[in-house]
C-alpha atoms as a PDB file:
ATOM      1  CA  UNK A   1      -0.048   0.002  -0.015  1.00  0.00           C
ATOM      2  CA  UNK A   2       1.475   3.393  -1.075  1.00  0.00           C
ATOM      3  CA  UNK A   3       2.086   6.130   1.668  1.00  0.00           C
ATOM      4  CA  UNK A   4      -0.397   8.456  -0.264  1.00  0.00           C
ATOM      5  CA  UNK A   5      -3.175   5.801  -0.065  1.00  0.00           C
ATOM      6  CA  UNK A   6      -2.457   5.393   3.633  1.00  0.00           C
ATOM      7  CA  UNK A   7      -2.540   9.065   4.225  1.00  0.00           C
ATOM      8  CA  UNK A   8      -5.965   9.591   2.085  1.00  0.00           C
ATOM      9  CA  UNK A   9      -7.402   6.620   4.469  1.00  0.00           C
ATOM     10  CA  UNK A  10      -6.198   8.109   7.642  1.00  0.00           C
ATOM     11  CA  UNK A  11      -7.287  11.682   6.624  1.00  0.00           C
ATOM     12  CA  UNK A  12     -10.818  10.147   5.469  1.00  0.00           C
ATOM     13  CA  UNK A  13     -10.995   8.439   9.158  1.00  0.00           C
ATOM     14  CA  UNK A  14      -9.706  11.131  11.149  1.00  0.00           C
ATOM     15  CA  UNK A  15     -12.006  13.417   9.350  1.00  0.00           C
ATOM     16  CA  UNK A  16     -15.108  11.435   9.650  1.00  0.00           C
ATOM     17  CA  UNK A  17     -14.584  11.112  13.605  1.00  0.00           C
ATOM     18  CA  UNK A  18     -13.352  14.708  14.132  1.00  0.00           C
ATOM     19  CA  UNK A  19     -16.117  16.090  12.082  1.00  0.00           C
ATOM     20  CA  UNK A  20     -18.683  14.027  13.629  1.00  0.00           C
ATOM     21  CA  UNK A  21     -17.874  14.749  17.342  1.00  0.00           C
ATOM     22  CA  UNK A  22     -17.085  18.774  16.734  1.00  0.00           C
ATOM     23  CA  UNK A  23     -20.592  18.896  14.642  1.00  0.00           C
ATOM     24  CA  UNK A  24     -22.475  17.174  17.404  1.00  0.00           C
ATOM     25  CA  UNK A  25     -20.709  19.003  20.082  1.00  0.00           C
ATOM     26  CA  UNK A  26     -21.904  22.589  18.639  1.00  0.00           C
ATOM     27  CA  UNK A  27     -25.172  21.550  17.738  1.00  0.00           C
ATOM     28  CA  UNK A  28     -26.339  20.254  20.964  1.00  0.00           C
ATOM     29  CA  UNK A  29     -24.511  22.855  23.280  1.00  0.00           C
ATOM     30  CA  UNK A  30     -25.794  25.786  21.360  1.00  0.00           C
ATOM     31  CA  UNK A  31     -29.190  24.460  20.320  1.00  0.00           C
ATOM     32  CA  UNK A  32     -30.883  27.319  22.426  1.00  0.00           C
ATOM     33  CA  UNK A  33     -29.315  30.031  20.702  1.00  0.00           C
ATOM     34  CA  UNK A  34     -30.093  28.441  17.244  1.00  0.00           C
ATOM     35  CA  UNK A  35     -33.834  28.317  18.796  1.00  0.00           C
ATOM     36  CA  UNK A  36     -33.845  32.233  19.358  1.00  0.00           C
ATOM     37  CA  UNK A  37     -32.204  32.805  15.930  1.00  0.00           C
ATOM     38  CA  UNK A  38     -34.871  30.725  14.017  1.00  0.00           C
ATOM     39  CA  UNK A  39     -38.005  32.354  16.049  1.00  0.00           C
ATOM     40  CA  UNK A  40     -36.442  35.909  15.320  1.00  0.00           C
ATOM     41  CA  UNK A  41     -36.405  35.201  11.564  1.00  0.00           C
ATOM     42  CA  UNK A  42     -39.905  33.488  11.629  1.00  0.00           C
ATOM     43  CA  UNK A  43     -42.402  35.323   9.714  1.00  0.00           C
ATOM     44  CA  UNK A  44     -45.013  34.650  12.165  1.00  0.00           C
ATOM     45  CA  UNK A  45     -42.948  36.679  14.655  1.00  0.00           C
ATOM     46  CA  UNK A  46     -40.697  36.062  17.711  1.00  0.00           C
ATOM     47  CA  UNK A  47     -43.469  35.529  20.264  1.00  0.00           C
ATOM     48  CA  UNK A  48     -45.884  33.619  18.282  1.00  0.00           C
ATOM     49  CA  UNK A  49     -43.158  31.329  17.264  1.00  0.00           C
ATOM     50  CA  UNK A  50     -42.420  30.235  20.986  1.00  0.00           C
ATOM     51  CA  UNK A  51     -40.298  33.115  22.273  1.00  0.00           C
ATOM     52  CA  UNK A  52     -38.008  32.134  25.096  1.00  0.00           C
ATOM     53  CA  UNK A  53     -39.888  28.849  25.973  1.00  0.00           C
ATOM     54  CA  UNK A  54     -38.892  25.263  25.064  1.00  0.00           C
ATOM     55  CA  UNK A  55     -35.421  26.424  23.596  1.00  0.00           C
ATOM     56  CA  UNK A  56     -34.360  22.869  23.232  1.00  0.00           C
ATOM     57  CA  UNK A  57     -37.360  22.078  20.692  1.00  0.00           C
ATOM     58  CA  UNK A  58     -36.182  20.234  17.699  1.00  0.00           C
ATOM     59  CA  UNK A  59     -33.027  18.809  19.181  1.00  0.00           C
ATOM     60  CA  UNK A  60     -34.016  15.243  18.434  1.00  0.00           C
ATOM     61  CA  UNK A  61     -33.177  15.537  14.776  1.00  0.00           C
ATOM     62  CA  UNK A  62     -30.116  17.395  15.334  1.00  0.00           C
ATOM     63  CA  UNK A  63     -28.759  14.636  17.578  1.00  0.00           C
ATOM     64  CA  UNK A  64     -29.570  12.294  14.630  1.00  0.00           C
ATOM     65  CA  UNK A  65     -28.464  14.406  11.808  1.00  0.00           C
ATOM     66  CA  UNK A  66     -25.388  16.526  13.236  1.00  0.00           C
ATOM     67  CA  UNK A  67     -22.642  13.748  13.042  1.00  0.00           C
ATOM     68  CA  UNK A  68     -23.061  12.657   9.651  1.00  0.00           C
ATOM     69  CA  UNK A  69     -23.639  15.913   8.175  1.00  0.00           C
ATOM     70  CA  UNK A  70     -20.402  17.489  10.012  1.00  0.00           C
ATOM     71  CA  UNK A  71     -18.531  14.035   9.105  1.00  0.00           C
ATOM     72  CA  UNK A  72     -19.457  14.141   5.335  1.00  0.00           C
ATOM     73  CA  UNK A  73     -18.548  17.857   5.102  1.00  0.00           C
ATOM     74  CA  UNK A  74     -14.834  17.353   6.584  1.00  0.00           C
ATOM     75  CA  UNK A  75     -14.271  14.143   4.621  1.00  0.00           C
ATOM     76  CA  UNK A  76     -15.061  16.007   1.396  1.00  0.00           C
ATOM     77  CA  UNK A  77     -12.925  19.069   2.611  1.00  0.00           C
ATOM     78  CA  UNK A  78     -10.165  17.308   3.835  1.00  0.00           C
ATOM     79  CA  UNK A  79     -10.141  14.392   1.196  1.00  0.00           C
ATOM     80  CA  UNK A  80      -9.898  17.139  -1.780  1.00  0.00           C
ATOM     81  CA  UNK A  81      -7.592  19.184  -0.001  1.00  0.00           C
ATOM     82  CA  UNK A  82      -5.295  16.306   0.840  1.00  0.00           C
ATOM     83  CA  UNK A  83      -5.359  14.828  -2.484  1.00  0.00           C
ATOM     84  CA  UNK A  84      -4.913  18.295  -4.506  1.00  0.00           C
ATOM     85  CA  UNK A  85      -3.097  20.682  -2.271  1.00  0.00           C
ATOM     86  CA  UNK A  86       0.272  19.030  -3.054  1.00  0.00           C
ATOM     87  CA  UNK A  87      -0.311  19.483  -6.879  1.00  0.00           C
ATOM     88  CA  UNK A  88      -1.478  23.029  -6.630  1.00  0.00           C
ATOM     89  CA  UNK A  89       1.415  25.982  -6.108  1.00  0.00           C
ATOM     90  CA  UNK A  90       1.013  27.498  -2.397  1.00  0.00           C
ATOM     91  CA  UNK A  91      -0.150  31.089  -3.882  1.00  0.00           C
ATOM     92  CA  UNK A  92      -3.213  29.323  -4.948  1.00  0.00           C
ATOM     93  CA  UNK A  93      -4.125  27.271  -1.848  1.00  0.00           C
ATOM     94  CA  UNK A  94      -6.856  30.034  -1.042  1.00  0.00           C
ATOM     95  CA  UNK A  95      -8.736  29.205  -4.006  1.00  0.00           C
ATOM     96  CA  UNK A  96      -8.299  25.432  -3.480  1.00  0.00           C
ATOM     97  CA  UNK A  97      -9.459  26.006   0.115  1.00  0.00           C
ATOM     98  CA  UNK A  98     -12.697  27.873  -1.201  1.00  0.00           C
ATOM     99  CA  UNK A  99     -13.088  25.169  -4.077  1.00  0.00           C
ATOM    100  CA  UNK A 100     -13.073  22.303  -1.385  1.00  0.00           C
ATOM    101  CA  UNK A 101     -15.325  24.081   1.168  1.00  0.00           C
ATOM    102  CA  UNK A 102     -17.863  24.884  -1.760  1.00  0.00           C
ATOM    103  CA  UNK A 103     -17.996  21.248  -2.834  1.00  0.00           C
ATOM    104  CA  UNK A 104     -18.115  19.937   0.705  1.00  0.00           C
ATOM    105  CA  UNK A 105     -20.936  22.335   1.647  1.00  0.00           C
ATOM    106  CA  UNK A 106     -23.203  21.055  -1.453  1.00  0.00           C
ATOM    107  CA  UNK A 107     -22.376  17.384  -0.452  1.00  0.00           C
ATOM    108  CA  UNK A 108     -23.061  17.903   3.423  1.00  0.00           C
ATOM    109  CA  UNK A 109     -26.454  19.566   2.293  1.00  0.00           C
ATOM    110  CA  UNK A 110     -27.797  16.395   1.181  1.00  0.00           C
ATOM    111  CA  UNK A 111     -28.159  15.394   4.694  1.00  0.00           C
ATOM    112  CA  UNK A 112     -28.301  19.055   6.511  1.00  0.00           C
ATOM    113  CA  UNK A 113     -31.157  20.140   4.641  1.00  0.00           C
ATOM    114  CA  UNK A 114     -33.843  17.837   5.618  1.00  0.00           C
ATOM    115  CA  UNK A 115     -32.731  17.619   8.905  1.00  0.00           C
ATOM    116  CA  UNK A 116     -32.789  21.556   9.178  1.00  0.00           C
ATOM    117  CA  UNK A 117     -36.255  21.508   7.757  1.00  0.00           C
ATOM    118  CA  UNK A 118     -37.652  19.198  10.418  1.00  0.00           C
ATOM    119  CA  UNK A 119     -35.563  20.855  13.401  1.00  0.00           C
ATOM    120  CA  UNK A 120     -36.734  24.548  12.467  1.00  0.00           C
ATOM    121  CA  UNK A 121     -40.421  23.442  12.062  1.00  0.00           C
ATOM    122  CA  UNK A 122     -40.275  21.986  15.401  1.00  0.00           C
ATOM    123  CA  UNK A 123     -38.392  24.963  16.866  1.00  0.00           C
ATOM    124  CA  UNK A 124     -41.402  27.075  15.837  1.00  0.00           C
ATOM    125  CA  UNK A 125     -44.137  24.521  16.566  1.00  0.00           C
ATOM    126  CA  UNK A 126     -45.090  24.289  12.753  1.00  0.00           C
ATOM    127  CA  UNK A 127     -44.372  20.594  12.119  1.00  0.00           C
ATOM    128  CA  UNK A 128     -47.089  18.657  10.412  1.00  0.00           C
ATOM    129  CA  UNK A 129     -46.503  15.210   9.756  1.00  0.00           C
ATOM    130  CA  UNK A 130     -48.916  15.119   6.912  1.00  0.00           C
ATOM    131  CA  UNK A 131     -47.031  18.078   5.225  1.00  0.00           C
ATOM    132  CA  UNK A 132     -43.557  16.105   5.425  1.00  0.00           C
ATOM    133  CA  UNK A 133     -42.405  14.396   2.189  1.00  0.00           C
ATOM    134  CA  UNK A 134     -39.454  14.687  -0.235  1.00  0.00           C
ATOM    135  CA  UNK A 135     -40.510  17.730  -2.051  1.00  0.00           C
ATOM    136  CA  UNK A 136     -40.898  19.823   1.078  1.00  0.00           C
ATOM    137  CA  UNK A 137     -37.830  18.436   2.723  1.00  0.00           C
ATOM    138  CA  UNK A 138     -35.301  19.372  -0.255  1.00  0.00           C
ATOM    139  CA  UNK A 139     -37.415  22.368  -1.478  1.00  0.00           C
ATOM    140  CA  UNK A 140     -34.713  24.835   0.045  1.00  0.00           C
ATOM    141  CA  UNK A 141     -31.925  22.543  -0.996  1.00  0.00           C
ATOM    142  CA  UNK A 142     -30.370  25.395  -3.348  1.00  0.00           C
ATOM    143  CA  UNK A 143     -31.195  28.182  -0.841  1.00  0.00           C
ATOM    144  CA  UNK A 144     -29.080  26.393   1.990  1.00  0.00           C
ATOM    145  CA  UNK A 145     -26.299  26.078  -0.608  1.00  0.00           C
ATOM    146  CA  UNK A 146     -26.593  29.717  -1.384  1.00  0.00           C
ATOM    147  CA  UNK A 147     -26.326  30.419   2.309  1.00  0.00           C
ATOM    148  CA  UNK A 148     -23.532  27.845   3.148  1.00  0.00           C
ATOM    149  CA  UNK A 149     -21.253  28.344   0.159  1.00  0.00           C
ATOM    150  CA  UNK A 150     -20.610  31.946   0.846  1.00  0.00           C
ATOM    151  CA  UNK A 151     -20.373  31.382   4.366  1.00  0.00           C
ATOM    152  CA  UNK A 152     -17.301  28.493   3.551  1.00  0.00           C
ATOM    153  CA  UNK A 153     -16.042  30.738   0.965  1.00  0.00           C
ATOM    154  CA  UNK A 154     -15.462  33.429   3.444  1.00  0.00           C
ATOM    155  CA  UNK A 155     -14.697  31.355   6.427  1.00  0.00           C
ATOM    156  CA  UNK A 156     -12.555  28.423   5.522  1.00  0.00           C
ATOM    157  CA  UNK A 157      -9.744  30.415   3.581  1.00  0.00           C
ATOM    158  CA  UNK A 158      -9.779  32.969   6.392  1.00  0.00           C
ATOM    159  CA  UNK A 159      -9.562  30.232   9.047  1.00  0.00           C
ATOM    160  CA  UNK A 160      -6.411  28.647   6.763  1.00  0.00           C
ATOM    161  CA  UNK A 161      -4.892  32.259   6.602  1.00  0.00           C
ATOM    162  CA  UNK A 162      -5.127  33.097  10.373  1.00  0.00           C
ATOM    163  CA  UNK A 163      -3.464  29.895  11.071  1.00  0.00           C
ATOM    164  CA  UNK A 164      -0.696  30.350   8.645  1.00  0.00           C
ATOM    165  CA  UNK A 165      -0.235  33.890   9.842  1.00  0.00           C
ATOM    166  CA  UNK A 166      -0.212  33.009  13.395  1.00  0.00           C
ATOM    167  CA  UNK A 167       2.082  29.922  13.006  1.00  0.00           C
ATOM    168  CA  UNK A 168       4.468  32.327  11.189  1.00  0.00           C
ATOM    169  CA  UNK A 169       4.199  34.762  14.129  1.00  0.00           C
ATOM    170  CA  UNK A 170       5.031  32.315  16.690  1.00  0.00           C
ATOM    171  CA  UNK A 171       7.303  30.274  14.775  1.00  0.00           C
ATOM    172  CA  UNK A 172       5.778  26.777  15.723  1.00  0.00           C
ATOM    173  CA  UNK A 173       2.589  24.643  14.768  1.00  0.00           C
ATOM    174  CA  UNK A 174      -0.358  26.138  16.263  1.00  0.00           C
ATOM    175  CA  UNK A 175      -2.193  24.517  19.064  1.00  0.00           C
ATOM    176  CA  UNK A 176      -5.800  23.233  18.748  1.00  0.00           C
ATOM    177  CA  UNK A 177      -7.125  26.295  21.106  1.00  0.00           C
ATOM    178  CA  UNK A 178      -5.195  28.611  18.848  1.00  0.00           C
ATOM    179  CA  UNK A 179      -6.915  26.950  15.755  1.00  0.00           C
ATOM    180  CA  UNK A 180     -10.331  27.233  17.633  1.00  0.00           C
ATOM    181  CA  UNK A 181      -9.770  31.192  18.057  1.00  0.00           C
ATOM    182  CA  UNK A 182      -8.941  31.406  14.268  1.00  0.00           C
ATOM    183  CA  UNK A 183     -12.110  29.506  13.302  1.00  0.00           C
ATOM    184  CA  UNK A 184     -14.237  31.618  16.060  1.00  0.00           C
ATOM    185  CA  UNK A 185     -12.929  34.841  14.265  1.00  0.00           C
ATOM    186  CA  UNK A 186     -13.340  33.579  10.872  1.00  0.00           C
ATOM    187  CA  UNK A 187     -16.879  32.516  11.770  1.00  0.00           C
ATOM    188  CA  UNK A 188     -18.349  35.445  13.151  1.00  0.00           C
ATOM    189  CA  UNK A 189     -17.221  37.475  10.122  1.00  0.00           C
ATOM    190  CA  UNK A 190     -18.794  35.092   7.878  1.00  0.00           C
ATOM    191  CA  UNK A 191     -21.898  34.822  10.080  1.00  0.00           C
ATOM    192  CA  UNK A 192     -22.418  38.649   9.935  1.00  0.00           C
ATOM    193  CA  UNK A 193     -21.608  38.812   6.096  1.00  0.00           C
ATOM    194  CA  UNK A 194     -24.359  35.845   5.305  1.00  0.00           C
ATOM    195  CA  UNK A 195     -27.143  36.673   7.578  1.00  0.00           C
ATOM    196  CA  UNK A 196     -29.589  37.958   4.921  1.00  0.00           C
ATOM    197  CA  UNK A 197     -29.110  34.629   2.962  1.00  0.00           C
ATOM    198  CA  UNK A 198     -29.658  32.595   6.297  1.00  0.00           C
ATOM    199  CA  UNK A 199     -32.929  34.581   6.842  1.00  0.00           C
ATOM    200  CA  UNK A 200     -34.128  33.848   3.223  1.00  0.00           C
ATOM    201  CA  UNK A 201     -33.203  30.190   3.954  1.00  0.00           C
ATOM    202  CA  UNK A 202     -35.286  29.877   7.184  1.00  0.00           C
ATOM    203  CA  UNK A 203     -38.161  31.578   5.644  1.00  0.00           C
ATOM    204  CA  UNK A 204     -38.358  29.090   2.817  1.00  0.00           C
ATOM    205  CA  UNK A 205     -37.898  26.159   5.171  1.00  0.00           C
ATOM    206  CA  UNK A 206     -40.998  27.628   7.433  1.00  0.00           C
ATOM    207  CA  UNK A 207     -43.137  28.176   4.417  1.00  0.00           C
ATOM    208  CA  UNK A 208     -46.087  25.592   3.760  1.00  0.00           C
ATOM    209  CA  UNK A 209     -45.076  22.814   1.645  1.00  0.00           C
ATOM    210  CA  UNK A 210     -48.324  22.819  -0.328  1.00  0.00           C
ATOM    211  CA  UNK A 211     -48.236  26.597  -1.075  1.00  0.00           C
ATOM    212  CA  UNK A 212     -47.378  28.359  -4.410  1.00  0.00           C
ATOM    213  CA  UNK A 213     -44.068  27.164  -5.426  1.00  0.00           C
ATOM    214  CA  UNK A 214     -43.355  30.834  -6.999  1.00  0.00           C
ATOM    215  CA  UNK A 215     -43.404  32.078  -3.585  1.00  0.00           C
ATOM    216  CA  UNK A 216     -40.667  29.966  -2.353  1.00  0.00           C
ATOM    217  CA  UNK A 217     -38.405  31.297  -4.810  1.00  0.00           C
ATOM    218  CA  UNK A 218     -35.169  33.135  -3.401  1.00  0.00           C
ATOM    219  CA  UNK A 219     -35.830  36.397  -5.142  1.00  0.00           C
ATOM    220  CA  UNK A 220     -39.531  36.471  -4.086  1.00  0.00           C
ATOM    221  CA  UNK A 221     -38.795  35.673  -0.680  1.00  0.00           C
ATOM    222  CA  UNK A 222     -35.906  38.615  -0.660  1.00  0.00           C
ATOM    223  CA  UNK A 223     -38.481  40.924  -1.765  1.00  0.00           C
ATOM    224  CA  UNK A 224     -41.284  39.808   0.701  1.00  0.00           C
ATOM    225  CA  UNK A 225     -38.784  40.278   3.737  1.00  0.00           C
ATOM    226  CA  UNK A 226     -37.974  43.833   2.531  1.00  0.00           C
ATOM    227  CA  UNK A 227     -41.403  44.640   1.903  1.00  0.00           C
ATOM    228  CA  UNK A 228     -42.511  43.771   5.414  1.00  0.00           C
ATOM    229  CA  UNK A 229     -39.507  44.492   7.406  1.00  0.00           C
ATOM    230  CA  UNK A 230     -37.379  46.965   5.462  1.00  0.00           C
ATOM    231  CA  UNK A 231     -33.315  46.456   5.281  1.00  0.00           C
ATOM    232  CA  UNK A 232     -33.031  45.495   9.065  1.00  0.00           C
ATOM    233  CA  UNK A 233     -35.378  42.577   8.263  1.00  0.00           C
ATOM    234  CA  UNK A 234     -32.655  41.076   6.308  1.00  0.00           C
ATOM    235  CA  UNK A 235     -30.689  40.979   9.504  1.00  0.00           C
ATOM    236  CA  UNK A 236     -33.151  39.465  11.781  1.00  0.00           C
ATOM    237  CA  UNK A 237     -31.677  37.107  14.527  1.00  0.00           C
ATOM    238  CA  UNK A 238     -27.963  38.539  13.438  1.00  0.00           C
ATOM    239  CA  UNK A 239     -27.134  38.725  17.169  1.00  0.00           C
ATOM    240  CA  UNK A 240     -27.858  34.923  18.154  1.00  0.00           C
ATOM    241  CA  UNK A 241     -26.538  33.784  14.710  1.00  0.00           C
ATOM    242  CA  UNK A 242     -23.222  35.458  15.148  1.00  0.00           C
ATOM    243  CA  UNK A 243     -22.924  34.396  18.909  1.00  0.00           C
ATOM    244  CA  UNK A 244     -23.778  30.838  17.898  1.00  0.00           C
ATOM    245  CA  UNK A 245     -21.277  30.892  15.081  1.00  0.00           C
ATOM    246  CA  UNK A 246     -18.679  32.468  17.410  1.00  0.00           C
ATOM    247  CA  UNK A 247     -19.136  30.109  19.960  1.00  0.00           C
ATOM    248  CA  UNK A 248     -19.643  27.132  17.740  1.00  0.00           C
ATOM    249  CA  UNK A 249     -16.608  28.171  15.886  1.00  0.00           C
ATOM    250  CA  UNK A 250     -14.402  27.929  18.809  1.00  0.00           C
ATOM    251  CA  UNK A 251     -16.067  24.569  20.092  1.00  0.00           C
ATOM    252  CA  UNK A 252     -15.968  23.203  16.522  1.00  0.00           C
ATOM    253  CA  UNK A 253     -12.626  23.907  15.151  1.00  0.00           C
ATOM    254  CA  UNK A 254     -10.979  23.202  18.572  1.00  0.00           C
ATOM    255  CA  UNK A 255     -12.732  19.689  18.956  1.00  0.00           C
ATOM    256  CA  UNK A 256     -11.969  19.022  15.318  1.00  0.00           C
ATOM    257  CA  UNK A 257      -8.111  19.816  15.598  1.00  0.00           C
ATOM    258  CA  UNK A 258      -7.629  18.257  18.913  1.00  0.00           C
ATOM    259  CA  UNK A 259      -9.316  15.100  17.866  1.00  0.00           C
ATOM    260  CA  UNK A 260      -7.102  15.082  14.541  1.00  0.00           C
ATOM    261  CA  UNK A 261      -3.988  15.648  16.692  1.00  0.00           C
ATOM    262  CA  UNK A 262      -4.759  12.758  18.973  1.00  0.00           C
ATOM    263  CA  UNK A 263      -5.347  10.765  15.798  1.00  0.00           C
ATOM    264  CA  UNK A 264      -1.936  11.692  14.491  1.00  0.00           C
ATOM    265  CA  UNK A 265      -0.222  10.425  17.526  1.00  0.00           C
ATOM    266  CA  UNK A 266      -2.129   7.510  17.744  1.00  0.00           C
ATOM    267  CA  UNK A 267      -1.253   6.624  14.136  1.00  0.00           C
ATOM    268  CA  UNK A 268       2.750   7.363  15.019  1.00  0.00           C
ATOM    269  CA  UNK A 269       2.438   4.634  17.894  1.00  0.00           C
ATOM    270  CA  UNK A 270       0.934   2.148  15.094  1.00  0.00           C
END
């Protein structure tokens, strides 16, 4: 077995475990913040969506779907990066990270989208089992990709850049906690910039499954939000969202890097 094949298999296994643990940790610990954000973005309003009560509503689909979603993302991201990085000049690595993150988001959304649809409908007490079908579960696949791809296009190159700059500054490999801080900063910036896309995604997910499909189009929803709430409506829930991403980024990248470090040490002992 070649060294490259061994490295690829090791990357796959570690990414699978690290991504799953990191994703589940964040989604379970910070679920109340996500519930507040969803209710603030709901068309029916914060109070009618549940206010501050039952903030762990919708946690079950997250417990089930979070690990495979995060694992699938990082297996794709690290796999593409691991295979292609040595073949691409270093000056183009930022573009490589952007492309890897974008493709990883599209793959991860195959699981993330139906999980989020069920979760968000539970969070605002809108889940009607009779309405649940494949069309509804994937009705906002592209709006979710539209939110997550720009988010990752901003976050992951920034995360990699911050780690590189900090590592050069301190003249050593960065620690997991330092990587976590870099991830949190990058996530906070990305979350602020992509909040309007998150609001649109939430509105589509909470729309009635049997409604006029033209009303579920991204531009229609964008106009509807702006007409009802004005410019500030596009940033509904920005506070909880940014807090969630900053805290989540710290936990996520810290856990991910720590598990990767442990995995590498274990591999050396074999």
